[in-house]
PDB file of N, CA and C in Angstrom:
ATOM      1  N   MET A   1     140.207 136.585 133.392  1.00  0.00           N
ATOM      2  CA  MET A   1     139.867 136.526 131.999  1.00  0.00           C
ATOM      3  C   MET A   1     139.689 135.075 131.533  1.00  0.00           C
ATOM      4  N   LYS A   2     140.443 134.161 132.125  1.00  0.00           N
ATOM      5  CA  LYS A   2     140.328 132.755 131.760  1.00  0.00           C
ATOM      6  C   LYS A   2     138.950 132.216 132.137  1.00  0.00           C
ATOM      7  N   TRP A   3     138.376 132.668 133.268  1.00  0.00           N
ATOM      8  CA  TRP A   3     137.059 132.195 133.678  1.00  0.00           C
ATOM      9  C   TRP A   3     135.978 132.650 132.694  1.00  0.00           C
ATOM     10  N   LEU A   4     136.129 133.844 132.121  1.00  0.00           N
ATOM     11  CA  LEU A   4     135.185 134.336 131.125  1.00  0.00           C
ATOM     12  C   LEU A   4     135.255 133.484 129.854  1.00  0.00           C
ATOM     13  N   HIS A   5     136.491 133.135 129.478  1.00  0.00           N
ATOM     14  CA  HIS A   5     136.688 132.263 128.306  1.00  0.00           C
ATOM     15  C   HIS A   5     136.024 130.908 128.533  1.00  0.00           C
ATOM     16  N   ASN A   6     136.207 130.317 129.700  1.00  0.00           N
ATOM     17  CA  ASN A   6     135.591 129.010 130.007  1.00  0.00           C
ATOM     18  C   ASN A   6     134.062 129.117 130.073  1.00  0.00           C
ATOM     19  N   LEU A   7     133.558 130.216 130.600  1.00  0.00           N
ATOM     20  CA  LEU A   7     132.114 130.424 130.674  1.00  0.00           C
ATOM     21  C   LEU A   7     131.496 130.513 129.281  1.00  0.00           C
ATOM     22  N   LEU A   8     132.135 131.269 128.390  1.00  0.00           N
ATOM     23  CA  LEU A   8     131.635 131.386 127.013  1.00  0.00           C
ATOM     24  C   LEU A   8     131.740 130.061 126.256  1.00  0.00           C
ATOM     25  N   LYS A   9     132.809 129.339 126.496  1.00  0.00           N
ATOM     26  CA  LYS A   9     132.987 128.041 125.848  1.00  0.00           C
ATOM     27  C   LYS A   9     131.893 127.071 126.298  1.00  0.00           C
ATOM     28  N   GLY A  10     131.591 127.041 127.591  1.00  0.00           N
ATOM     29  CA  GLY A  10     130.526 126.178 128.117  1.00  0.00           C
ATOM     30  C   GLY A  10     129.163 126.575 127.583  1.00  0.00           C
ATOM     31  N   ALA A  11     128.909 127.876 127.502  1.00  0.00           N
ATOM     32  CA  ALA A  11     127.624 128.356 126.973  1.00  0.00           C
ATOM     33  C   ALA A  11     127.480 127.993 125.504  1.00  0.00           C
ATOM     34  N   SER A  12     128.567 128.066 124.741  1.00  0.00           N
ATOM     35  CA  SER A  12     128.523 127.716 123.321  1.00  0.00           C
ATOM     36  C   SER A  12     128.215 126.234 123.132  1.00  0.00           C
ATOM     37  N   LEU A  13     128.856 125.392 123.919  1.00  0.00           N
ATOM     38  CA  LEU A  13     128.632 123.952 123.831  1.00  0.00           C
ATOM     39  C   LEU A  13     127.185 123.621 124.220  1.00  0.00           C
ATOM     40  N   THR A  14     126.694 124.240 125.281  1.00  0.00           N
ATOM     41  CA  THR A  14     125.318 124.005 125.720  1.00  0.00           C
ATOM     42  C   THR A  14     124.334 124.451 124.644  1.00  0.00           C
ATOM     43  N   THR A  15     124.580 125.579 124.028  1.00  0.00           N
ATOM     44  CA  THR A  15     123.708 126.073 122.961  1.00  0.00           C
ATOM     45  C   THR A  15     123.711 125.118 121.770  1.00  0.00           C
ATOM     46  N   ALA A  16     124.870 124.621 121.397  1.00  0.00           N
ATOM     47  CA  ALA A  16     124.964 123.686 120.272  1.00  0.00           C
ATOM     48  C   ALA A  16     124.183 122.403 120.567  1.00  0.00           C
ATOM     49  N   LEU A  17     124.301 121.883 121.776  1.00  0.00           N
ATOM     50  CA  LEU A  17     123.575 120.671 122.139  1.00  0.00           C
ATOM     51  C   LEU A  17     122.063 120.919 122.173  1.00  0.00           C
ATOM     52  N   PHE A  18     121.660 122.076 122.658  1.00  0.00           N
ATOM     53  CA  PHE A  18     120.247 122.419 122.693  1.00  0.00           C
ATOM     54  C   PHE A  18     119.678 122.505 121.277  1.00  0.00           C
ATOM     55  N   ILE A  19     120.401 123.119 120.369  1.00  0.00           N
ATOM     56  CA  ILE A  19     119.945 123.240 118.980  1.00  0.00           C
ATOM     57  C   ILE A  19     119.864 121.863 118.332  1.00  0.00           C
ATOM     58  N   PHE A  20     120.845 121.004 118.570  1.00  0.00           N
ATOM     59  CA  PHE A  20     120.818 119.644 118.030  1.00  0.00           C
ATOM     60  C   PHE A  20     119.583 118.901 118.533  1.00  0.00           C
ATOM     61  N   GLN A  21     119.315 118.989 119.835  1.00  0.00           N
ATOM     62  CA  GLN A  21     118.151 118.319 120.426  1.00  0.00           C
ATOM     63  C   GLN A  21     116.851 118.860 119.836  1.00  0.00           C
ATOM     64  N   ALA A  22     116.776 120.177 119.645  1.00  0.00           N
ATOM     65  CA  ALA A  22     115.564 120.794 119.103  1.00  0.00           C
ATOM     66  C   ALA A  22     115.325 120.364 117.654  1.00  0.00           C
ATOM     67  N   CYS A  23     116.384 120.216 116.888  1.00  0.00           N
ATOM     68  CA  CYS A  23     116.236 119.847 115.470  1.00  0.00           C
ATOM     69  C   CYS A  23     115.951 118.362 115.275  1.00  0.00           C
ATOM     70  N   TYR A  24     116.667 117.512 116.001  1.00  0.00           N
ATOM     71  CA  TYR A  24     116.587 116.077 115.752  1.00  0.00           C
ATOM     72  C   TYR A  24     115.800 115.314 116.803  1.00  0.00           C
ATOM     73  N   GLY A  25     115.537 115.907 117.940  1.00  0.00           N
ATOM     74  CA  GLY A  25     114.774 115.227 118.985  1.00  0.00           C
ATOM     75  C   GLY A  25     115.566 114.133 119.647  1.00  0.00           C
ATOM     76  N   SER A  26     114.948 113.519 120.620  1.00  0.00           N
ATOM     77  CA  SER A  26     115.620 112.424 121.315  1.00  0.00           C
ATOM     78  C   SER A  26     115.414 111.146 120.525  1.00  0.00           C
ATOM     79  N   PRO A  27     116.287 110.163 120.669  1.00  0.00           N
ATOM     80  CA  PRO A  27     116.136 108.905 119.940  1.00  0.00           C
ATOM     81  C   PRO A  27     114.822 108.225 120.315  1.00  0.00           C
ATOM     82  N   GLN A  28     114.147 107.665 119.324  1.00  0.00           N
ATOM     83  CA  GLN A  28     112.869 106.999 119.547  1.00  0.00           C
ATOM     84  C   GLN A  28     113.059 105.491 119.509  1.00  0.00           C
ATOM     85  N   ASN A  29     112.487 104.812 120.474  1.00  0.00           N
ATOM     86  CA  ASN A  29     112.503 103.358 120.477  1.00  0.00           C
ATOM     87  C   ASN A  29     111.329 102.854 119.659  1.00  0.00           C
ATOM     88  N   ILE A  30     111.575 101.873 118.808  1.00  0.00           N
ATOM     89  CA  ILE A  30     110.497 101.250 118.045  1.00  0.00           C
ATOM     90  C   ILE A  30     110.203  99.934 118.752  1.00  0.00           C
ATOM     91  N   MET A  31     109.239  99.975 119.622  1.00  0.00           N
ATOM     92  CA  MET A  31     108.904  98.812 120.433  1.00  0.00           C
ATOM     93  C   MET A  31     107.413  98.547 120.319  1.00  0.00           C
ATOM     94  N   GLU A  32     106.964  97.472 120.899  1.00  0.00           N
ATOM     95  CA  GLU A  32     105.570  97.064 120.818  1.00  0.00           C
ATOM     96  C   GLU A  32     104.613  98.157 121.276  1.00  0.00           C
ATOM     97  N   GLU A  33     104.969  98.925 122.310  1.00  0.00           N
ATOM     98  CA  GLU A  33     104.046  99.957 122.776  1.00  0.00           C
ATOM     99  C   GLU A  33     103.958 101.132 121.815  1.00  0.00           C
ATOM    100  N   ASP A  34     104.808 101.202 120.806  1.00  0.00           N
ATOM    101  CA  ASP A  34     104.731 102.246 119.794  1.00  0.00           C
ATOM    102  C   ASP A  34     103.792 101.864 118.663  1.00  0.00           C
ATOM    103  N   ARG A  35     103.084 100.773 118.823  1.00  0.00           N
ATOM    104  CA  ARG A  35     102.152 100.316 117.794  1.00  0.00           C
ATOM    105  C   ARG A  35     100.866 101.113 117.867  1.00  0.00           C
ATOM    106  N   GLY A  36     100.197 101.162 116.746  1.00  0.00           N
ATOM    107  CA  GLY A  36      98.910 101.843 116.694  1.00  0.00           C
ATOM    108  C   GLY A  36      98.040 101.207 115.627  1.00  0.00           C
ATOM    109  N   GLU A  37      96.853 101.746 115.467  1.00  0.00           N
ATOM    110  CA  GLU A  37      95.958 101.268 114.424  1.00  0.00           C
ATOM    111  C   GLU A  37      95.388 102.463 113.690  1.00  0.00           C
ATOM    112  N   ALA A  38      95.279 102.316 112.378  1.00  0.00           N
ATOM    113  CA  ALA A  38      94.722 103.368 111.534  1.00  0.00           C
ATOM    114  C   ALA A  38      93.462 102.828 110.872  1.00  0.00           C
ATOM    115  N   PRO A  39      92.301 103.459 111.085  1.00  0.00           N
ATOM    116  CA  PRO A  39      91.084 103.013 110.398  1.00  0.00           C
ATOM    117  C   PRO A  39      91.131 103.417 108.931  1.00  0.00           C
ATOM    118  N   MET A  40      90.939 102.458 108.043  1.00  0.00           N
ATOM    119  CA  MET A  40      90.976 102.707 106.601  1.00  0.00           C
ATOM    120  C   MET A  40      89.791 102.001 105.945  1.00  0.00           C
ATOM    121  N   THR A  41      89.308 102.587 104.852  1.00  0.00           N
ATOM    122  CA  THR A  41      88.267 101.957 104.052  1.00  0.00           C
ATOM    123  C   THR A  41      88.814 101.739 102.651  1.00  0.00           C
ATOM    124  N   PHE A  42      88.673 100.512 102.161  1.00  0.00           N
ATOM    125  CA  PHE A  42      89.110 100.170 100.810  1.00  0.00           C
ATOM    126  C   PHE A  42      87.875  99.853  99.978  1.00  0.00           C
ATOM    127  N   VAL A  43      87.874 100.298  98.733  1.00  0.00           N
ATOM    128  CA  VAL A  43      86.834  99.954  97.775  1.00  0.00           C
ATOM    129  C   VAL A  43      87.550  99.248  96.626  1.00  0.00           C
ATOM    130  N   VAL A  44      87.198  97.985  96.387  1.00  0.00           N
ATOM    131  CA  VAL A  44      87.905  97.151  95.413  1.00  0.00           C
ATOM    132  C   VAL A  44      87.043  96.973  94.163  1.00  0.00           C
ATOM    133  N   HIS A  45      87.655  97.273  93.011  1.00  0.00           N
ATOM    134  CA  HIS A  45      86.983  97.173  91.715  1.00  0.00           C
ATOM    135  C   HIS A  45      87.815  96.315  90.759  1.00  0.00           C
ATOM    136  N   SER A  46      87.141  95.802  89.729  1.00  0.00           N
ATOM    137  CA  SER A  46      87.825  95.143  88.629  1.00  0.00           C
ATOM    138  C   SER A  46      88.420  96.228  87.726  1.00  0.00           C
ATOM    139  N   ARG A  47      89.675  96.060  87.335  1.00  0.00           N
ATOM    140  CA  ARG A  47      90.299  97.060  86.462  1.00  0.00           C
ATOM    141  C   ARG A  47      89.646  97.077  85.079  1.00  0.00           C
ATOM    142  N   THR A  48      89.239  95.924  84.558  1.00  0.00           N
ATOM    143  CA  THR A  48      88.693  95.880  83.200  1.00  0.00           C
ATOM    144  C   THR A  48      87.231  96.312  83.142  1.00  0.00           C
ATOM    145  N   SER A  49      86.393  95.795  84.042  1.00  0.00           N
ATOM    146  CA  SER A  49      84.956  96.114  83.972  1.00  0.00           C
ATOM    147  C   SER A  49      84.562  97.288  84.862  1.00  0.00           C
ATOM    148  N   GLY A  50      85.353  97.577  85.873  1.00  0.00           N
ATOM    149  CA  GLY A  50      85.032  98.665  86.799  1.00  0.00           C
ATOM    150  C   GLY A  50      83.998  98.297  87.843  1.00  0.00           C
ATOM    151  N   SER A  51      83.528  97.055  87.831  1.00  0.00           N
ATOM    152  CA  SER A  51      82.501  96.643  88.797  1.00  0.00           C
ATOM    153  C   SER A  51      83.113  96.385  90.169  1.00  0.00           C
ATOM    154  N   ALA A  52      82.289  96.602  91.196  1.00  0.00           N
ATOM    155  CA  ALA A  52      82.728  96.354  92.574  1.00  0.00           C
ATOM    156  C   ALA A  52      82.908  94.854  92.777  1.00  0.00           C
ATOM    157  N   LEU A  53      83.932  94.489  93.535  1.00  0.00           N
ATOM    158  CA  LEU A  53      84.239  93.074  93.771  1.00  0.00           C
ATOM    159  C   LEU A  53      83.883  92.683  95.196  1.00  0.00           C
ATOM    160  N   GLU A  54      83.025  91.696  95.311  1.00  0.00           N
ATOM    161  CA  GLU A  54      82.606  91.182  96.615  1.00  0.00           C
ATOM    162  C   GLU A  54      83.465  89.971  96.980  1.00  0.00           C
ATOM    163  N   GLY A  55      83.756  89.802  98.251  1.00  0.00           N
ATOM    164  CA  GLY A  55      84.462  88.616  98.740  1.00  0.00           C
ATOM    165  C   GLY A  55      85.973  88.682  98.634  1.00  0.00           C
ATOM    166  N   ILE A  56      86.536  89.849  98.340  1.00  0.00           N
ATOM    167  CA  ILE A  56      87.998  89.986  98.269  1.00  0.00           C
ATOM    168  C   ILE A  56      88.545  90.094  99.698  1.00  0.00           C
ATOM    169  N   ARG A  57      89.526  89.284 100.004  1.00  0.00           N
ATOM    170  CA  ARG A  57      90.132  89.294 101.339  1.00  0.00           C
ATOM    171  C   ARG A  57      91.139  90.429 101.445  1.00  0.00           C
ATOM    172  N   VAL A  58      91.046  91.195 102.525  1.00  0.00           N
ATOM    173  CA  VAL A  58      92.003  92.258 102.822  1.00  0.00           C
ATOM    174  C   VAL A  58      92.892  91.737 103.950  1.00  0.00           C
ATOM    175  N   LEU A  59      94.183  91.611 103.643  1.00  0.00           N
ATOM    176  CA  LEU A  59      95.137  91.053 104.594  1.00  0.00           C
ATOM    177  C   LEU A  59      96.163  92.113 104.979  1.00  0.00           C
ATOM    178  N   GLY A  60      96.588  92.092 106.212  1.00  0.00           N
ATOM    179  CA  GLY A  60      97.614  93.018 106.679  1.00  0.00           C
ATOM    180  C   GLY A  60      98.847  92.255 107.096  1.00  0.00           C
ATOM    181  N   GLN A  61     100.003  92.838 106.844  1.00  0.00           N
ATOM    182  CA  GLN A  61     101.256  92.198 107.239  1.00  0.00           C
ATOM    183  C   GLN A  61     101.958  93.080 108.259  1.00  0.00           C
ATOM    184  N   ASP A  62     102.465  92.437 109.272  1.00  0.00           N
ATOM    185  CA  ASP A  62     103.159  93.121 110.349  1.00  0.00           C
ATOM    186  C   ASP A  62     104.257  92.174 110.807  1.00  0.00           C
ATOM    187  N   ARG A  63     105.384  92.703 111.177  1.00  0.00           N
ATOM    188  CA  ARG A  63     106.477  91.808 111.568  1.00  0.00           C
ATOM    189  C   ARG A  63     106.169  91.039 112.849  1.00  0.00           C
ATOM    190  N   TYR A  64     105.077  91.384 113.545  1.00  0.00           N
ATOM    191  CA  TYR A  64     104.710  90.667 114.754  1.00  0.00           C
ATOM    192  C   TYR A  64     103.759  89.503 114.492  1.00  0.00           C
ATOM    193  N   TYR A  65     103.234  89.379 113.258  1.00  0.00           N
ATOM    194  CA  TYR A  65     102.374  88.238 112.948  1.00  0.00           C
ATOM    195  C   TYR A  65     103.269  87.036 112.716  1.00  0.00           C
ATOM    196  N   GLU A  66     102.878  85.907 113.291  1.00  0.00           N
ATOM    197  CA  GLU A  66     103.701  84.717 113.169  1.00  0.00           C
ATOM    198  C   GLU A  66     103.718  84.164 111.750  1.00  0.00           C
ATOM    199  N   ASN A  67     102.587  84.198 111.047  1.00  0.00           N
ATOM    200  CA  ASN A  67     102.539  83.608 109.711  1.00  0.00           C
ATOM    201  C   ASN A  67     102.595  84.650 108.602  1.00  0.00           C
ATOM    202  N   GLY A  68     102.998  85.873 108.913  1.00  0.00           N
ATOM    203  CA  GLY A  68     103.159  86.889 107.885  1.00  0.00           C
ATOM    204  C   GLY A  68     101.951  87.777 107.710  1.00  0.00           C
ATOM    205  N   TYR A  69     100.845  87.240 107.179  1.00  0.00           N
ATOM    206  CA  TYR A  69      99.652  88.038 106.927  1.00  0.00           C
ATOM    207  C   TYR A  69      98.514  87.612 107.858  1.00  0.00           C
ATOM    208  N   ARG A  70      97.656  88.580 108.162  1.00  0.00           N
ATOM    209  CA  ARG A  70      96.473  88.313 108.978  1.00  0.00           C
ATOM    210  C   ARG A  70      95.273  88.911 108.253  1.00  0.00           C
ATOM    211  N   GLU A  71      94.168  88.176 108.203  1.00  0.00           N
ATOM    212  CA  GLU A  71      92.979  88.699 107.534  1.00  0.00           C
ATOM    213  C   GLU A  71      92.368  89.808 108.382  1.00  0.00           C
ATOM    214  N   LEU A  72      92.172  90.953 107.735  1.00  0.00           N
ATOM    215  CA  LEU A  72      91.602  92.107 108.421  1.00  0.00           C
ATOM    216  C   LEU A  72      90.126  92.288 108.096  1.00  0.00           C
ATOM    217  N   GLY A  73      89.708  91.793 106.931  1.00  0.00           N
ATOM    218  CA  GLY A  73      88.311  91.931 106.534  1.00  0.00           C
ATOM    219  C   GLY A  73      88.069  91.380 105.141  1.00  0.00           C
ATOM    220  N   VAL A  74      86.807  91.395 104.734  1.00  0.00           N
ATOM    221  CA  VAL A  74      86.390  90.916 103.409  1.00  0.00           C
ATOM    222  C   VAL A  74      85.449  91.971 102.830  1.00  0.00           C
ATOM    223  N   THR A  75      85.597  92.231 101.531  1.00  0.00           N
ATOM    224  CA  THR A  75      84.748  93.247 100.898  1.00  0.00           C
ATOM    225  C   THR A  75      83.305  92.772 100.800  1.00  0.00           C
ATOM    226  N   GLY A  76      82.380  93.729 100.936  1.00  0.00           N
ATOM    227  CA  GLY A  76      80.949  93.447 100.840  1.00  0.00           C
ATOM    228  C   GLY A  76      80.459  93.563  99.409  1.00  0.00           C
ATOM    229  N   ALA A  77      79.142  93.583  99.243  1.00  0.00           N
ATOM    230  CA  ALA A  77      78.522  93.633  97.914  1.00  0.00           C
ATOM    231  C   ALA A  77      78.899  94.896  97.148  1.00  0.00           C
ATOM    232  N   ASP A  78      79.155  95.992  97.880  1.00  0.00           N
ATOM    233  CA  ASP A  78      79.543  97.246  97.221  1.00  0.00           C
ATOM    234  C   ASP A  78      81.056  97.355  97.012  1.00  0.00           C
ATOM    235  N   GLY A  79      81.784  96.289  97.321  1.00  0.00           N
ATOM    236  CA  GLY A  79      83.232  96.257  97.121  1.00  0.00           C
ATOM    237  C   GLY A  79      84.028  96.957  98.197  1.00  0.00           C
ATOM    238  N   SER A  80      83.352  97.417  99.266  1.00  0.00           N
ATOM    239  CA  SER A  80      84.082  98.156 100.300  1.00  0.00           C
ATOM    240  C   SER A  80      84.345  97.299 101.529  1.00  0.00           C
ATOM    241  N   CYS A  81      85.377  97.685 102.249  1.00  0.00           N
ATOM    242  CA  CYS A  81      85.750  96.994 103.476  1.00  0.00           C
ATOM    243  C   CYS A  81      86.457  97.999 104.376  1.00  0.00           C
ATOM    244  N   LYS A  82      85.957  98.182 105.599  1.00  0.00           N
ATOM    245  CA  LYS A  82      86.593  99.083 106.566  1.00  0.00           C
ATOM    246  C   LYS A  82      87.389  98.231 107.539  1.00  0.00           C
ATOM    247  N   VAL A  83      88.667  98.572 107.692  1.00  0.00           N
ATOM    248  CA  VAL A  83      89.561  97.794 108.551  1.00  0.00           C
ATOM    249  C   VAL A  83      90.380  98.738 109.431  1.00  0.00           C
ATOM    250  N   ASN A  84      90.955  98.183 110.468  1.00  0.00           N
ATOM    251  CA  ASN A  84      91.929  98.889 111.293  1.00  0.00           C
ATOM    252  C   ASN A  84      93.291  98.288 110.999  1.00  0.00           C
ATOM    253  N   LEU A  85      94.150  99.094 110.369  1.00  0.00           N
ATOM    254  CA  LEU A  85      95.467  98.608 109.978  1.00  0.00           C
ATOM    255  C   LEU A  85      96.473  98.811 111.100  1.00  0.00           C
ATOM    256  N   PRO A  86      97.147  97.743 111.510  1.00  0.00           N
ATOM    257  CA  PRO A  86      98.194  97.910 112.515  1.00  0.00           C
ATOM    258  C   PRO A  86      99.428  98.529 111.873  1.00  0.00           C
ATOM    259  N   TYR A  87     100.123  99.381 112.603  1.00  0.00           N
ATOM    260  CA  TYR A  87     101.352  99.972 112.101  1.00  0.00           C
ATOM    261  C   TYR A  87     102.287 100.280 113.257  1.00  0.00           C
ATOM    262  N   LEU A  88     103.536 100.455 112.929  1.00  0.00           N
ATOM    263  CA  LEU A  88     104.545 100.892 113.893  1.00  0.00           C
ATOM    264  C   LEU A  88     104.936 102.304 113.531  1.00  0.00           C
ATOM    265  N   ARG A  89     104.986 103.172 114.514  1.00  0.00           N
ATOM    266  CA  ARG A  89     105.413 104.543 114.245  1.00  0.00           C
ATOM    267  C   ARG A  89     106.862 104.529 113.761  1.00  0.00           C
ATOM    268  N   ASN A  90     107.191 105.433 112.873  1.00  0.00           N
ATOM    269  CA  ASN A  90     108.549 105.609 112.349  1.00  0.00           C
ATOM    270  C   ASN A  90     109.032 104.436 111.516  1.00  0.00           C
ATOM    271  N   VAL A  91     108.117 103.593 111.030  1.00  0.00           N
ATOM    272  CA  VAL A  91     108.511 102.461 110.190  1.00  0.00           C
ATOM    273  C   VAL A  91     107.653 102.491 108.933  1.00  0.00           C
ATOM    274  N   GLN A  92     108.275 102.186 107.793  1.00  0.00           N
ATOM    275  CA  GLN A  92     107.536 102.130 106.534  1.00  0.00           C
ATOM    276  C   GLN A  92     106.426 101.087 106.643  1.00  0.00           C
ATOM    277  N   GLY A  93     105.309 101.366 106.067  1.00  0.00           N
ATOM    278  CA  GLY A  93     104.227 100.408 106.070  1.00  0.00           C
ATOM    279  C   GLY A  93     102.958 101.067 106.508  1.00  0.00           C
ATOM    280  N   PRO A  94     101.915 100.391 106.704  1.00  0.00           N
ATOM    281  CA  PRO A  94     101.763  98.943 106.746  1.00  0.00           C
ATOM    282  C   PRO A  94     101.638  98.326 105.351  1.00  0.00           C
ATOM    283  N   TYR A  95     101.880  97.035 105.304  1.00  0.00           N
ATOM    284  CA  TYR A  95     101.757  96.268 104.076  1.00  0.00           C
ATOM    285  C   TYR A  95     100.348  95.694 104.025  1.00  0.00           C
ATOM    286  N   VAL A  96      99.693  95.824 102.870  1.00  0.00           N
ATOM    287  CA  VAL A  96      98.333  95.323 102.704  1.00  0.00           C
ATOM    288  C   VAL A  96      98.280  94.480 101.438  1.00  0.00           C
ATOM    289  N   ARG A  97      97.550  93.372 101.520  1.00  0.00           N
ATOM    290  CA  ARG A  97      97.387  92.466 100.377  1.00  0.00           C
ATOM    291  C   ARG A  97      95.887  92.287 100.120  1.00  0.00           C
ATOM    292  N   PHE A  98      95.535  92.270  98.844  1.00  0.00           N
ATOM    293  CA  PHE A  98      94.165  92.019  98.411  1.00  0.00           C
ATOM    294  C   PHE A  98      94.193  90.757  97.569  1.00  0.00           C
ATOM    295  N   GLU A  99      93.399  89.755  97.966  1.00  0.00           N
ATOM    296  CA  GLU A  99      93.396  88.519  97.182  1.00  0.00           C
ATOM    297  C   GLU A  99      91.990  87.953  97.080  1.00  0.00           C
ATOM    298  N   ASP A 100      91.735  87.399  95.893  1.00  0.00           N
ATOM    299  CA  ASP A 100      90.454  86.770  95.597  1.00  0.00           C
ATOM    300  C   ASP A 100      90.564  85.287  95.960  1.00  0.00           C
ATOM    301  N   PRO A 101      89.743  84.786  96.879  1.00  0.00           N
ATOM    302  CA  PRO A 101      89.838  83.377  97.251  1.00  0.00           C
ATOM    303  C   PRO A 101      89.472  82.427  96.120  1.00  0.00           C
ATOM    304  N   HIS A 102      88.774  82.921  95.093  1.00  0.00           N
ATOM    305  CA  HIS A 102      88.388  82.077  93.950  1.00  0.00           C
ATOM    306  C   HIS A 102      89.429  82.097  92.841  1.00  0.00           C
ATOM    307  N   GLY A 103      90.417  82.978  92.928  1.00  0.00           N
ATOM    308  CA  GLY A 103      91.479  83.027  91.935  1.00  0.00           C
ATOM    309  C   GLY A 103      91.117  83.715  90.634  1.00  0.00           C
ATOM    310  N   ASN A 104      90.046  84.494  90.603  1.00  0.00           N
ATOM    311  CA  ASN A 104      89.648  85.182  89.373  1.00  0.00           C
ATOM    312  C   ASN A 104      90.431  86.476  89.141  1.00  0.00           C
ATOM    313  N   TYR A 105      91.083  86.976  90.176  1.00  0.00           N
ATOM    314  CA  TYR A 105      91.823  88.239  90.077  1.00  0.00           C
ATOM    315  C   TYR A 105      93.217  88.059  90.656  1.00  0.00           C
ATOM    316  N   GLU A 106      94.157  88.822  90.104  1.00  0.00           N
ATOM    317  CA  GLU A 106      95.531  88.763  90.583  1.00  0.00           C
ATOM    318  C   GLU A 106      95.628  89.305  92.006  1.00  0.00           C
ATOM    319  N   VAL A 107      96.555  88.757  92.761  1.00  0.00           N
ATOM    320  CA  VAL A 107      96.828  89.253  94.112  1.00  0.00           C
ATOM    321  C   VAL A 107      97.522  90.599  93.983  1.00  0.00           C
ATOM    322  N   LYS A 108      97.140  91.541  94.817  1.00  0.00           N
ATOM    323  CA  LYS A 108      97.766  92.861  94.797  1.00  0.00           C
ATOM    324  C   LYS A 108      98.336  93.159  96.176  1.00  0.00           C
ATOM    325  N   ASP A 109      99.632  93.472  96.211  1.00  0.00           N
ATOM    326  CA  ASP A 109     100.312  93.899  97.431  1.00  0.00           C
ATOM    327  C   ASP A 109     100.584  95.388  97.332  1.00  0.00           C
ATOM    328  N   THR A 110     100.457  96.087  98.443  1.00  0.00           N
ATOM    329  CA  THR A 110     100.734  97.512  98.451  1.00  0.00           C
ATOM    330  C   THR A 110     101.258  97.930  99.820  1.00  0.00           C
ATOM    331  N   VAL A 111     101.969  99.039  99.843  1.00  0.00           N
ATOM    332  CA  VAL A 111     102.442  99.652 101.077  1.00  0.00           C
ATOM    333  C   VAL A 111     101.776 101.011 101.186  1.00  0.00           C
ATOM    334  N   LEU A 112     101.179 101.292 102.319  1.00  0.00           N
ATOM    335  CA  LEU A 112     100.510 102.572 102.524  1.00  0.00           C
ATOM    336  C   LEU A 112     101.420 103.516 103.295  1.00  0.00           C
ATOM    337  N   PHE A 113     101.552 104.723 102.793  1.00  0.00           N
ATOM    338  CA  PHE A 113     102.354 105.735 103.468  1.00  0.00           C
ATOM    339  C   PHE A 113     101.476 106.782 104.127  1.00  0.00           C
ATOM    340  N   ASP A 114     100.269 106.960 103.624  1.00  0.00           N
ATOM    341  CA  ASP A 114      99.352 107.970 104.132  1.00  0.00           C
ATOM    342  C   ASP A 114      98.242 107.250 104.885  1.00  0.00           C
ATOM    343  N   LEU A 115      98.197 107.403 106.202  1.00  0.00           N
ATOM    344  CA  LEU A 115      97.248 106.654 107.012  1.00  0.00           C
ATOM    345  C   LEU A 115      96.074 107.499 107.500  1.00  0.00           C
ATOM    346  N   ARG A 116      95.703 108.518 106.708  1.00  0.00           N
ATOM    347  CA  ARG A 116      94.504 109.280 107.058  1.00  0.00           C
ATOM    348  C   ARG A 116      93.273 108.464 106.705  1.00  0.00           C
ATOM    349  N   GLU A 117      92.241 108.599 107.531  1.00  0.00           N
ATOM    350  CA  GLU A 117      91.013 107.842 107.274  1.00  0.00           C
ATOM    351  C   GLU A 117      90.309 108.394 106.037  1.00  0.00           C
ATOM    352  N   ARG A 118      90.197 107.566 105.029  1.00  0.00           N
ATOM    353  CA  ARG A 118      89.516 107.919 103.791  1.00  0.00           C
ATOM    354  C   ARG A 118      89.364 106.649 102.978  1.00  0.00           C
ATOM    355  N   ALA A 119      88.538 106.695 101.938  1.00  0.00           N
ATOM    356  CA  ALA A 119      88.330 105.524 101.085  1.00  0.00           C
ATOM    357  C   ALA A 119      89.432 105.479 100.023  1.00  0.00           C
ATOM    358  N   ILE A 120      90.057 104.347  99.897  1.00  0.00           N
ATOM    359  CA  ILE A 120      91.104 104.147  98.895  1.00  0.00           C
ATOM    360  C   ILE A 120      90.577 103.169  97.857  1.00  0.00           C
ATOM    361  N   ASP A 121      90.615 103.573  96.592  1.00  0.00           N
ATOM    362  CA  ASP A 121      90.124 102.747  95.499  1.00  0.00           C
ATOM    363  C   ASP A 121      91.240 101.813  95.037  1.00  0.00           C
ATOM    364  N   ILE A 122      90.955 100.520  95.081  1.00  0.00           N
ATOM    365  CA  ILE A 122      91.906  99.489  94.665  1.00  0.00           C
ATOM    366  C   ILE A 122      91.353  98.812  93.419  1.00  0.00           C
ATOM    367  N   LYS A 123      92.190  98.698  92.400  1.00  0.00           N
ATOM    368  CA  LYS A 123      91.770  98.033  91.164  1.00  0.00           C
ATOM    369  C   LYS A 123      92.580  96.752  90.992  1.00  0.00           C
ATOM    370  N   LEU A 124      91.867  95.633  90.806  1.00  0.00           N
ATOM    371  CA  LEU A 124      92.521  94.346  90.627  1.00  0.00           C
ATOM    372  C   LEU A 124      92.432  93.935  89.160  1.00  0.00           C
ATOM    373  N   ASN A 125      93.533  93.351  88.675  1.00  0.00           N
ATOM    374  CA  ASN A 125      93.571  92.833  87.303  1.00  0.00           C
ATOM    375  C   ASN A 125      92.916  91.473  87.222  1.00  0.00           C
ATOM    376  N   ASP A 126      92.162  91.235  86.143  1.00  0.00           N
ATOM    377  CA  ASP A 126      91.591  89.910  85.906  1.00  0.00           C
ATOM    378  C   ASP A 126      92.707  88.940  85.572  1.00  0.00           C
ATOM    379  N   MET A 127      92.506  87.678  85.965  1.00  0.00           N
ATOM    380  CA  MET A 127      93.454  86.629  85.575  1.00  0.00           C
ATOM    381  C   MET A 127      93.207  86.324  84.098  1.00  0.00           C
ATOM    382  N   LEU A 128      94.263  86.252  83.319  1.00  0.00           N
ATOM    383  CA  LEU A 128      94.092  86.014  81.877  1.00  0.00           C
ATOM    384  C   LEU A 128      94.095  84.570  81.536  1.00  0.00           C
TER     385      LEU A 128
END
């Protein structure tokens, strides 16, 4: 009878561990090989006039960049810019910055949580 008790106890422990593994998965390492890129298109407009802004720099921030931000692209005449955003799986981000090299518009920083490929409308405030 003791062997039956030990068998049931072992089966219960194994079942509990299996359920834990199924619910939470194995621990994930956040390392360089877990990096990826998400193609995104941004369309940048003036908040006050609504016109498309040409020449706005799109910068990406990643903890692996030595100087913080890296230029990913510049908006064209229609205000759009298609970039590949670097990201780490299981980490908040990526961080994106939009800045006007002429200083006519405020710098805008944002964090993207949804990395599906689609056009994202960005509105920049005029400098007062």
